[in-house]
PDB file of all heavy atoms in Angstrom:
ATOM      1  N   ALA A   1      63.420 282.640 236.189  1.00  0.00           N
ATOM      2  CA  ALA A   1      63.275 283.584 237.305  1.00  0.00           C
ATOM      3  C   ALA A   1      64.563 284.385 237.454  1.00  0.00           C
ATOM      4  O   ALA A   1      65.654 283.858 237.257  1.00  0.00           O
ATOM      5  CB  ALA A   1      62.977 282.819 238.588  1.00  0.00           C
ATOM      6  N   PHE A   2      64.440 285.655 237.818  1.00  0.00           N
ATOM      7  CA  PHE A   2      65.630 286.484 237.994  1.00  0.00           C
ATOM      8  C   PHE A   2      65.325 287.683 238.876  1.00  0.00           C
ATOM      9  O   PHE A   2      64.164 288.033 239.109  1.00  0.00           O
ATOM     10  CB  PHE A   2      66.162 286.976 236.639  1.00  0.00           C
ATOM     11  CG  PHE A   2      65.305 288.033 235.993  1.00  0.00           C
ATOM     12  CD1 PHE A   2      65.617 289.376 236.147  1.00  0.00           C
ATOM     13  CD2 PHE A   2      64.186 287.687 235.254  1.00  0.00           C
ATOM     14  CE1 PHE A   2      64.821 290.351 235.557  1.00  0.00           C
ATOM     15  CE2 PHE A   2      63.393 288.653 234.659  1.00  0.00           C
ATOM     16  CZ  PHE A   2      63.707 289.988 234.815  1.00  0.00           C
ATOM     17  N   THR A   3      66.380 288.312 239.375  1.00  0.00           N
ATOM     18  CA  THR A   3      66.291 289.596 240.054  1.00  0.00           C
ATOM     19  C   THR A   3      67.543 290.390 239.733  1.00  0.00           C
ATOM     20  O   THR A   3      68.615 289.820 239.546  1.00  0.00           O
ATOM     21  CB  THR A   3      66.133 289.456 241.583  1.00  0.00           C
ATOM     22  OG1 THR A   3      66.000 290.777 242.150  1.00  0.00           O
ATOM     23  CG2 THR A   3      67.323 288.759 242.222  1.00  0.00           C
ATOM     24  N   TRP A   4      67.389 291.688 239.666  1.00  0.00           N
ATOM     25  CA  TRP A   4      68.532 292.588 239.506  1.00  0.00           C
ATOM     26  C   TRP A   4      68.843 293.270 240.838  1.00  0.00           C
ATOM     27  O   TRP A   4      69.674 294.153 240.896  1.00  0.00           O
ATOM     28  CB  TRP A   4      68.255 293.647 238.438  1.00  0.00           C
ATOM     29  CG  TRP A   4      67.967 293.089 237.084  1.00  0.00           C
ATOM     30  CD1 TRP A   4      66.820 293.255 236.367  1.00  0.00           C
ATOM     31  CD2 TRP A   4      68.816 292.267 236.275  1.00  0.00           C
ATOM     32  NE1 TRP A   4      66.908 292.594 235.166  1.00  0.00           N
ATOM     33  CE2 TRP A   4      68.136 291.970 235.084  1.00  0.00           C
ATOM     34  CE3 TRP A   4      70.094 291.740 236.445  1.00  0.00           C
ATOM     35  CZ2 TRP A   4      68.673 291.188 234.075  1.00  0.00           C
ATOM     36  CZ3 TRP A   4      70.642 290.957 235.443  1.00  0.00           C
ATOM     37  CH2 TRP A   4      69.932 290.692 234.271  1.00  0.00           C
ATOM     38  N   ARG A   5      68.163 292.890 241.912  1.00  0.00           N
ATOM     39  CA  ARG A   5      68.312 293.572 243.193  1.00  0.00           C
ATOM     40  C   ARG A   5      68.897 292.695 244.292  1.00  0.00           C
ATOM     41  O   ARG A   5      68.800 293.027 245.463  1.00  0.00           O
ATOM     42  CB  ARG A   5      66.959 294.109 243.639  1.00  0.00           C
ATOM     43  CG  ARG A   5      66.450 295.178 242.714  1.00  0.00           C
ATOM     44  CD  ARG A   5      65.086 295.649 243.130  1.00  0.00           C
ATOM     45  NE  ARG A   5      64.670 296.711 242.260  1.00  0.00           N
ATOM     46  CZ  ARG A   5      64.332 297.908 242.672  1.00  0.00           C
ATOM     47  NH1 ARG A   5      64.339 298.177 243.943  1.00  0.00           N
ATOM     48  NH2 ARG A   5      63.976 298.830 241.810  1.00  0.00           N
ATOM     49  N   ALA A   6      69.495 291.586 243.941  1.00  0.00           N
ATOM     50  CA  ALA A   6      70.118 290.728 244.947  1.00  0.00           C
ATOM     51  C   ALA A   6      71.244 291.495 245.636  1.00  0.00           C
ATOM     52  O   ALA A   6      71.871 292.369 245.036  1.00  0.00           O
ATOM     53  CB  ALA A   6      70.657 289.467 244.297  1.00  0.00           C
ATOM     54  N   GLN A   7      71.469 291.169 246.890  1.00  0.00           N
ATOM     55  CA  GLN A   7      72.550 291.813 247.630  1.00  0.00           C
ATOM     56  C   GLN A   7      73.529 290.763 248.115  1.00  0.00           C
ATOM     57  O   GLN A   7      73.154 289.625 248.369  1.00  0.00           O
ATOM     58  CB  GLN A   7      71.991 292.595 248.812  1.00  0.00           C
ATOM     59  CG  GLN A   7      71.150 293.763 248.361  1.00  0.00           C
ATOM     60  CD  GLN A   7      70.756 294.655 249.517  1.00  0.00           C
ATOM     61  OE1 GLN A   7      70.941 294.319 250.660  1.00  0.00           O
ATOM     62  NE2 GLN A   7      70.205 295.802 249.199  1.00  0.00           N
ATOM     63  N   THR A   8      74.757 291.176 248.239  1.00  0.00           N
ATOM     64  CA  THR A   8      75.799 290.268 248.679  1.00  0.00           C
ATOM     65  C   THR A   8      75.986 290.383 250.188  1.00  0.00           C
ATOM     66  O   THR A   8      75.268 291.116 250.869  1.00  0.00           O
ATOM     67  CB  THR A   8      77.111 290.540 247.915  1.00  0.00           C
ATOM     68  OG1 THR A   8      78.029 289.494 248.177  1.00  0.00           O
ATOM     69  CG2 THR A   8      77.714 291.877 248.295  1.00  0.00           C
ATOM     70  N   VAL A   9      76.962 289.677 250.704  1.00  0.00           N
ATOM     71  CA  VAL A   9      77.261 289.674 252.127  1.00  0.00           C
ATOM     72  C   VAL A   9      78.309 290.724 252.440  1.00  0.00           C
ATOM     73  O   VAL A   9      78.907 291.314 251.542  1.00  0.00           O
ATOM     74  CB  VAL A   9      77.767 288.284 252.567  1.00  0.00           C
ATOM     75  CG1 VAL A   9      76.698 287.222 252.351  1.00  0.00           C
ATOM     76  CG2 VAL A   9      79.058 287.910 251.864  1.00  0.00           C
ATOM     77  N   VAL A  10      78.551 290.932 253.729  1.00  0.00           N
ATOM     78  CA  VAL A  10      79.629 291.804 254.185  1.00  0.00           C
ATOM     79  C   VAL A  10      80.614 290.922 254.938  1.00  0.00           C
ATOM     80  O   VAL A  10      80.187 290.208 255.846  1.00  0.00           O
ATOM     81  CB  VAL A  10      79.084 292.915 255.099  1.00  0.00           C
ATOM     82  CG1 VAL A  10      80.218 293.757 255.674  1.00  0.00           C
ATOM     83  CG2 VAL A  10      78.097 293.790 254.337  1.00  0.00           C
ATOM     84  N   PRO A  11      81.866 290.899 254.560  1.00  0.00           N
ATOM     85  CA  PRO A  11      82.508 291.689 253.517  1.00  0.00           C
ATOM     86  C   PRO A  11      82.139 291.175 252.126  1.00  0.00           C
ATOM     87  O   PRO A  11      81.998 289.971 251.924  1.00  0.00           O
ATOM     88  CB  PRO A  11      83.999 291.500 253.788  1.00  0.00           C
ATOM     89  CG  PRO A  11      84.102 290.177 254.462  1.00  0.00           C
ATOM     90  CD  PRO A  11      82.831 290.013 255.238  1.00  0.00           C
ATOM     91  N   SER A  12      81.993 292.107 251.208  1.00  0.00           N
ATOM     92  CA  SER A  12      81.536 291.758 249.854  1.00  0.00           C
ATOM     93  C   SER A  12      82.716 291.457 248.937  1.00  0.00           C
ATOM     94  O   SER A  12      82.822 292.002 247.857  1.00  0.00           O
ATOM     95  CB  SER A  12      80.681 292.881 249.277  1.00  0.00           C
ATOM     96  OG  SER A  12      81.454 294.054 249.145  1.00  0.00           O
ATOM     97  N   ASN A  13      83.572 290.579 249.400  1.00  0.00           N
ATOM     98  CA  ASN A  13      84.718 290.148 248.609  1.00  0.00           C
ATOM     99  C   ASN A  13      84.444 288.768 248.032  1.00  0.00           C
ATOM    100  O   ASN A  13      83.551 288.046 248.486  1.00  0.00           O
ATOM    101  CB  ASN A  13      85.982 290.124 249.466  1.00  0.00           C
ATOM    102  CG  ASN A  13      86.356 291.510 249.952  1.00  0.00           C
ATOM    103  OD1 ASN A  13      86.248 292.480 249.214  1.00  0.00           O
ATOM    104  ND2 ASN A  13      86.782 291.608 251.194  1.00  0.00           N
ATOM    105  N   THR A  14      85.256 288.377 247.070  1.00  0.00           N
ATOM    106  CA  THR A  14      85.010 287.148 246.323  1.00  0.00           C
ATOM    107  C   THR A  14      84.922 285.903 247.198  1.00  0.00           C
ATOM    108  O   THR A  14      83.964 285.144 247.106  1.00  0.00           O
ATOM    109  CB  THR A  14      86.099 286.976 245.248  1.00  0.00           C
ATOM    110  OG1 THR A  14      85.997 288.072 244.332  1.00  0.00           O
ATOM    111  CG2 THR A  14      85.940 285.668 244.484  1.00  0.00           C
ATOM    112  N   LEU A  15      85.907 285.664 248.039  1.00  0.00           N
ATOM    113  CA  LEU A  15      85.919 284.418 248.799  1.00  0.00           C
ATOM    114  C   LEU A  15      84.803 284.350 249.839  1.00  0.00           C
ATOM    115  O   LEU A  15      84.064 283.353 249.882  1.00  0.00           O
ATOM    116  CB  LEU A  15      87.294 284.175 249.427  1.00  0.00           C
ATOM    117  CG  LEU A  15      87.485 282.805 250.075  1.00  0.00           C
ATOM    118  CD1 LEU A  15      87.218 281.670 249.086  1.00  0.00           C
ATOM    119  CD2 LEU A  15      88.890 282.697 250.654  1.00  0.00           C
ATOM    120  N   PRO A  16      84.609 285.378 250.689  1.00  0.00           N
ATOM    121  CA  PRO A  16      83.488 285.288 251.628  1.00  0.00           C
ATOM    122  C   PRO A  16      82.132 285.198 250.930  1.00  0.00           C
ATOM    123  O   PRO A  16      81.241 284.461 251.380  1.00  0.00           O
ATOM    124  CB  PRO A  16      83.582 286.580 252.445  1.00  0.00           C
ATOM    125  CG  PRO A  16      84.937 287.116 252.217  1.00  0.00           C
ATOM    126  CD  PRO A  16      85.421 286.568 250.913  1.00  0.00           C
ATOM    127  N   SER A  17      81.982 285.903 249.820  1.00  0.00           N
ATOM    128  CA  SER A  17      80.710 285.873 249.086  1.00  0.00           C
ATOM    129  C   SER A  17      80.430 284.479 248.532  1.00  0.00           C
ATOM    130  O   SER A  17      79.306 283.973 248.634  1.00  0.00           O
ATOM    131  CB  SER A  17      80.730 286.887 247.940  1.00  0.00           C
ATOM    132  OG  SER A  17      80.857 288.198 248.425  1.00  0.00           O
ATOM    133  N   HIS A  18      81.441 283.854 247.953  1.00  0.00           N
ATOM    134  CA  HIS A  18      81.234 282.509 247.412  1.00  0.00           C
ATOM    135  C   HIS A  18      81.041 281.476 248.523  1.00  0.00           C
ATOM    136  O   HIS A  18      80.273 280.531 248.354  1.00  0.00           O
ATOM    137  CB  HIS A  18      82.379 282.117 246.476  1.00  0.00           C
ATOM    138  CG  HIS A  18      82.254 282.736 245.133  1.00  0.00           C
ATOM    139  ND1 HIS A  18      82.806 283.959 244.823  1.00  0.00           N
ATOM    140  CD2 HIS A  18      81.604 282.316 244.019  1.00  0.00           C
ATOM    141  CE1 HIS A  18      82.520 284.266 243.571  1.00  0.00           C
ATOM    142  NE2 HIS A  18      81.782 283.281 243.054  1.00  0.00           N
ATOM    143  N   ALA A  19      81.717 281.660 249.640  1.00  0.00           N
ATOM    144  CA  ALA A  19      81.496 280.747 250.764  1.00  0.00           C
ATOM    145  C   ALA A  19      80.047 280.846 251.240  1.00  0.00           C
ATOM    146  O   ALA A  19      79.418 279.827 251.546  1.00  0.00           O
ATOM    147  CB  ALA A  19      82.476 281.043 251.891  1.00  0.00           C
ATOM    148  N   SER A  20      79.504 282.048 251.269  1.00  0.00           N
ATOM    149  CA  SER A  20      78.088 282.217 251.645  1.00  0.00           C
ATOM    150  C   SER A  20      77.178 281.592 250.599  1.00  0.00           C
ATOM    151  O   SER A  20      76.207 280.903 250.930  1.00  0.00           O
ATOM    152  CB  SER A  20      77.753 283.698 251.825  1.00  0.00           C
ATOM    153  OG  SER A  20      78.382 284.204 252.972  1.00  0.00           O
ATOM    154  N   MET A  21      77.484 281.833 249.341  1.00  0.00           N
ATOM    155  CA  MET A  21      76.683 281.302 248.246  1.00  0.00           C
ATOM    156  C   MET A  21      76.636 279.774 248.282  1.00  0.00           C
ATOM    157  O   MET A  21      75.591 279.168 248.012  1.00  0.00           O
ATOM    158  CB  MET A  21      77.309 281.817 246.940  1.00  0.00           C
ATOM    159  CG  MET A  21      76.798 281.300 245.669  1.00  0.00           C
ATOM    160  SD  MET A  21      77.787 281.888 244.233  1.00  0.00           S
ATOM    161  CE  MET A  21      78.089 283.612 244.519  1.00  0.00           C
ATOM    162  N   LEU A  22      77.747 279.151 248.635  1.00  0.00           N
ATOM    163  CA  LEU A  22      77.849 277.701 248.539  1.00  0.00           C
ATOM    164  C   LEU A  22      77.586 276.968 249.855  1.00  0.00           C
ATOM    165  O   LEU A  22      77.538 275.740 249.876  1.00  0.00           O
ATOM    166  CB  LEU A  22      79.206 277.315 247.957  1.00  0.00           C
ATOM    167  CG  LEU A  22      79.392 277.802 246.517  1.00  0.00           C
ATOM    168  CD1 LEU A  22      80.827 277.634 246.053  1.00  0.00           C
ATOM    169  CD2 LEU A  22      78.425 277.097 245.565  1.00  0.00           C
ATOM    170  N   THR A  23      77.407 277.727 250.951  1.00  0.00           N
ATOM    171  CA  THR A  23      76.989 277.115 252.220  1.00  0.00           C
ATOM    172  C   THR A  23      75.584 277.537 252.616  1.00  0.00           C
ATOM    173  O   THR A  23      74.910 276.820 253.345  1.00  0.00           O
ATOM    174  CB  THR A  23      77.922 277.495 253.389  1.00  0.00           C
ATOM    175  OG1 THR A  23      77.836 278.909 253.634  1.00  0.00           O
ATOM    176  CG2 THR A  23      79.360 277.071 253.131  1.00  0.00           C
ATOM    177  N   GLY A  24      75.172 278.730 252.178  1.00  0.00           N
ATOM    178  CA  GLY A  24      73.883 279.268 252.594  1.00  0.00           C
ATOM    179  C   GLY A  24      73.957 280.057 253.889  1.00  0.00           C
ATOM    180  O   GLY A  24      72.926 280.418 254.459  1.00  0.00           O
ATOM    181  N   TYR A  25      75.166 280.351 254.355  1.00  0.00           N
ATOM    182  CA  TYR A  25      75.346 281.052 255.622  1.00  0.00           C
ATOM    183  C   TYR A  25      76.146 282.336 255.447  1.00  0.00           C
ATOM    184  O   TYR A  25      76.950 282.463 254.533  1.00  0.00           O
ATOM    185  CB  TYR A  25      76.058 280.163 256.639  1.00  0.00           C
ATOM    186  CG  TYR A  25      75.232 278.981 257.075  1.00  0.00           C
ATOM    187  CD1 TYR A  25      75.521 277.707 256.614  1.00  0.00           C
ATOM    188  CD2 TYR A  25      74.152 279.153 257.937  1.00  0.00           C
ATOM    189  CE1 TYR A  25      74.763 276.616 257.000  1.00  0.00           C
ATOM    190  CE2 TYR A  25      73.389 278.069 258.337  1.00  0.00           C
ATOM    191  CZ  TYR A  25      73.695 276.806 257.871  1.00  0.00           C
ATOM    192  OH  TYR A  25      72.940 275.736 258.248  1.00  0.00           O
ATOM    193  N   GLN A  26      75.961 283.260 256.391  1.00  0.00           N
ATOM    194  CA  GLN A  26      76.727 284.500 256.427  1.00  0.00           C
ATOM    195  C   GLN A  26      78.175 284.203 256.831  1.00  0.00           C
ATOM    196  O   GLN A  26      78.459 283.178 257.465  1.00  0.00           O
ATOM    197  CB  GLN A  26      76.097 285.468 257.439  1.00  0.00           C
ATOM    198  CG  GLN A  26      74.719 285.976 257.049  1.00  0.00           C
ATOM    199  CD  GLN A  26      74.787 286.956 255.902  1.00  0.00           C
ATOM    200  OE1 GLN A  26      75.725 287.742 255.764  1.00  0.00           O
ATOM    201  NE2 GLN A  26      73.769 286.921 255.047  1.00  0.00           N
ATOM    202  N   PRO A  27      79.113 285.109 256.526  1.00  0.00           N
ATOM    203  CA  PRO A  27      80.519 284.895 256.876  1.00  0.00           C
ATOM    204  C   PRO A  27      80.753 284.632 258.367  1.00  0.00           C
ATOM    205  O   PRO A  27      81.612 283.817 258.717  1.00  0.00           O
ATOM    206  CB  PRO A  27      81.202 286.184 256.414  1.00  0.00           C
ATOM    207  CG  PRO A  27      80.372 286.632 255.253  1.00  0.00           C
ATOM    208  CD  PRO A  27      78.951 286.292 255.655  1.00  0.00           C
ATOM    209  N   ALA A  28      80.007 285.275 259.237  1.00  0.00           N
ATOM    210  CA  ALA A  28      80.211 285.057 260.675  1.00  0.00           C
ATOM    211  C   ALA A  28      80.000 283.597 261.049  1.00  0.00           C
ATOM    212  O   ALA A  28      80.609 283.093 261.990  1.00  0.00           O
ATOM    213  CB  ALA A  28      79.273 285.947 261.479  1.00  0.00           C
ATOM    214  N   ARG A  29      79.165 282.904 260.291  1.00  0.00           N
ATOM    215  CA  ARG A  29      78.904 281.502 260.599  1.00  0.00           C
ATOM    216  C   ARG A  29      79.822 280.549 259.835  1.00  0.00           C
ATOM    217  O   ARG A  29      80.313 279.579 260.413  1.00  0.00           O
ATOM    218  CB  ARG A  29      77.442 281.164 260.313  1.00  0.00           C
ATOM    219  CG  ARG A  29      77.138 279.719 260.631  1.00  0.00           C
ATOM    220  CD  ARG A  29      75.744 279.484 261.019  1.00  0.00           C
ATOM    221  NE  ARG A  29      75.500 278.057 261.165  1.00  0.00           N
ATOM    222  CZ  ARG A  29      74.328 277.540 261.366  1.00  0.00           C
ATOM    223  NH1 ARG A  29      73.274 278.313 261.447  1.00  0.00           N
ATOM    224  NH2 ARG A  29      74.195 276.243 261.486  1.00  0.00           N
ATOM    225  N   HIS A  30      80.055 280.789 258.538  1.00  0.00           N
ATOM    226  CA  HIS A  30      80.912 279.852 257.802  1.00  0.00           C
ATOM    227  C   HIS A  30      82.395 280.092 258.062  1.00  0.00           C
ATOM    228  O   HIS A  30      83.221 279.232 257.781  1.00  0.00           O
ATOM    229  CB  HIS A  30      80.607 279.805 256.306  1.00  0.00           C
ATOM    230  CG  HIS A  30      80.793 281.085 255.564  1.00  0.00           C
ATOM    231  ND1 HIS A  30      82.004 281.747 255.446  1.00  0.00           N
ATOM    232  CD2 HIS A  30      79.904 281.819 254.852  1.00  0.00           C
ATOM    233  CE1 HIS A  30      81.854 282.832 254.706  1.00  0.00           C
ATOM    234  NE2 HIS A  30      80.604 282.904 254.339  1.00  0.00           N
ATOM    235  N   GLY A  31      82.742 281.257 258.602  1.00  0.00           N
ATOM    236  CA  GLY A  31      84.100 281.496 259.069  1.00  0.00           C
ATOM    237  C   GLY A  31      85.066 282.107 258.083  1.00  0.00           C
ATOM    238  O   GLY A  31      86.201 282.420 258.441  1.00  0.00           O
ATOM    239  N   ILE A  32      84.669 282.302 256.828  1.00  0.00           N
ATOM    240  CA  ILE A  32      85.588 282.862 255.831  1.00  0.00           C
ATOM    241  C   ILE A  32      85.323 284.360 255.707  1.00  0.00           C
ATOM    242  O   ILE A  32      84.325 284.784 255.126  1.00  0.00           O
ATOM    243  CB  ILE A  32      85.408 282.173 254.455  1.00  0.00           C
ATOM    244  CG1 ILE A  32      85.590 280.661 254.569  1.00  0.00           C
ATOM    245  CG2 ILE A  32      86.372 282.773 253.425  1.00  0.00           C
ATOM    246  CD1 ILE A  32      86.963 280.205 255.010  1.00  0.00           C
ATOM    247  N   THR A  33      86.224 285.168 256.290  1.00  0.00           N
ATOM    248  CA  THR A  33      86.077 286.626 256.226  1.00  0.00           C
ATOM    249  C   THR A  33      87.236 287.274 255.475  1.00  0.00           C
ATOM    250  O   THR A  33      87.268 288.475 255.305  1.00  0.00           O
ATOM    251  CB  THR A  33      85.993 287.224 257.648  1.00  0.00           C
ATOM    252  OG1 THR A  33      87.152 286.809 258.376  1.00  0.00           O
ATOM    253  CG2 THR A  33      84.732 286.757 258.360  1.00  0.00           C
ATOM    254  N   TRP A  34      88.200 286.481 255.026  1.00  0.00           N
ATOM    255  CA  TRP A  34      89.353 286.973 254.279  1.00  0.00           C
ATOM    256  C   TRP A  34      89.143 286.678 252.796  1.00  0.00           C
ATOM    257  O   TRP A  34      88.239 285.947 252.431  1.00  0.00           O
ATOM    258  CB  TRP A  34      90.644 286.326 254.794  1.00  0.00           C
ATOM    259  CG  TRP A  34      90.605 284.833 254.799  1.00  0.00           C
ATOM    260  CD1 TRP A  34      91.014 283.996 253.797  1.00  0.00           C
ATOM    261  CD2 TRP A  34      90.107 283.983 255.833  1.00  0.00           C
ATOM    262  NE1 TRP A  34      90.811 282.686 254.143  1.00  0.00           N
ATOM    263  CE2 TRP A  34      90.245 282.647 255.395  1.00  0.00           C
ATOM    264  CE3 TRP A  34      89.545 284.203 257.090  1.00  0.00           C
ATOM    265  CZ2 TRP A  34      89.863 281.553 256.162  1.00  0.00           C
ATOM    266  CZ3 TRP A  34      89.161 283.114 257.854  1.00  0.00           C
ATOM    267  CH2 TRP A  34      89.333 281.803 257.394  1.00  0.00           C
ATOM    268  N   ASP A  35      90.006 287.233 251.950  1.00  0.00           N
ATOM    269  CA  ASP A  35      89.778 287.129 250.510  1.00  0.00           C
ATOM    270  C   ASP A  35      90.980 286.592 249.739  1.00  0.00           C
ATOM    271  O   ASP A  35      91.166 286.909 248.571  1.00  0.00           O
ATOM    272  CB  ASP A  35      89.366 288.494 249.950  1.00  0.00           C
ATOM    273  CG  ASP A  35      88.756 288.394 248.562  1.00  0.00           C
ATOM    274  OD1 ASP A  35      88.054 287.396 248.289  1.00  0.00           O
ATOM    275  OD2 ASP A  35      88.994 289.299 247.735  1.00  0.00           O
ATOM    276  N   ASP A  36      91.778 285.778 250.384  1.00  0.00           N
ATOM    277  CA  ASP A  36      92.898 285.123 249.723  1.00  0.00           C
ATOM    278  C   ASP A  36      92.919 283.664 250.150  1.00  0.00           C
ATOM    279  O   ASP A  36      92.263 283.296 251.127  1.00  0.00           O
ATOM    280  CB  ASP A  36      94.234 285.784 250.109  1.00  0.00           C
ATOM    281  CG  ASP A  36      94.382 287.162 249.492  1.00  0.00           C
ATOM    282  OD1 ASP A  36      94.304 287.252 248.251  1.00  0.00           O
ATOM    283  OD2 ASP A  36      94.569 288.146 250.236  1.00  0.00           O
ATOM    284  N   TYR A  37      93.681 282.864 249.444  1.00  0.00           N
ATOM    285  CA  TYR A  37      93.852 281.472 249.858  1.00  0.00           C
ATOM    286  C   TYR A  37      94.815 281.445 251.036  1.00  0.00           C
ATOM    287  O   TYR A  37      96.024 281.613 250.874  1.00  0.00           O
ATOM    288  CB  TYR A  37      94.365 280.628 248.693  1.00  0.00           C
ATOM    289  CG  TYR A  37      94.587 279.184 249.067  1.00  0.00           C
ATOM    290  CD1 TYR A  37      93.578 278.440 249.660  1.00  0.00           C
ATOM    291  CD2 TYR A  37      95.809 278.568 248.836  1.00  0.00           C
ATOM    292  CE1 TYR A  37      93.782 277.109 250.005  1.00  0.00           C
ATOM    293  CE2 TYR A  37      96.015 277.241 249.173  1.00  0.00           C
ATOM    294  CZ  TYR A  37      95.003 276.523 249.767  1.00  0.00           C
ATOM    295  OH  TYR A  37      95.192 275.206 250.118  1.00  0.00           O
ATOM    296  N   LEU A  38      94.273 281.292 252.236  1.00  0.00           N
ATOM    297  CA  LEU A  38      95.053 281.304 253.469  1.00  0.00           C
ATOM    298  C   LEU A  38      94.668 280.089 254.315  1.00  0.00           C
ATOM    299  O   LEU A  38      93.955 280.206 255.309  1.00  0.00           O
ATOM    300  CB  LEU A  38      94.787 282.598 254.252  1.00  0.00           C
ATOM    301  CG  LEU A  38      95.108 283.907 253.531  1.00  0.00           C
ATOM    302  CD1 LEU A  38      94.604 285.104 254.320  1.00  0.00           C
ATOM    303  CD2 LEU A  38      96.608 284.007 253.277  1.00  0.00           C
ATOM    304  N   PRO A  39      95.131 278.902 253.940  1.00  0.00           N
ATOM    305  CA  PRO A  39      94.713 277.694 254.658  1.00  0.00           C
ATOM    306  C   PRO A  39      95.072 277.707 256.139  1.00  0.00           C
ATOM    307  O   PRO A  39      94.383 277.085 256.950  1.00  0.00           O
ATOM    308  CB  PRO A  39      95.422 276.564 253.914  1.00  0.00           C
ATOM    309  CG  PRO A  39      96.483 277.200 253.098  1.00  0.00           C
ATOM    310  CD  PRO A  39      96.054 278.606 252.842  1.00  0.00           C
ATOM    311  N   ALA A  40      96.099 278.456 256.527  1.00  0.00           N
ATOM    312  CA  ALA A  40      96.482 278.522 257.934  1.00  0.00           C
ATOM    313  C   ALA A  40      95.416 279.227 258.784  1.00  0.00           C
ATOM    314  O   ALA A  40      95.368 279.034 260.000  1.00  0.00           O
ATOM    315  CB  ALA A  40      97.824 279.240 258.079  1.00  0.00           C
TER     316      ALA A  40
END
């Protein structure tokens, strides 16, 4: 199965997108809206 029309989240940066992919939630819910390793 495949699609070429999948859409990413906003912001469409690597870290928020992967957090959504691996939690199943939008950035507003999983909390990762930045795109660098910023543990603080």
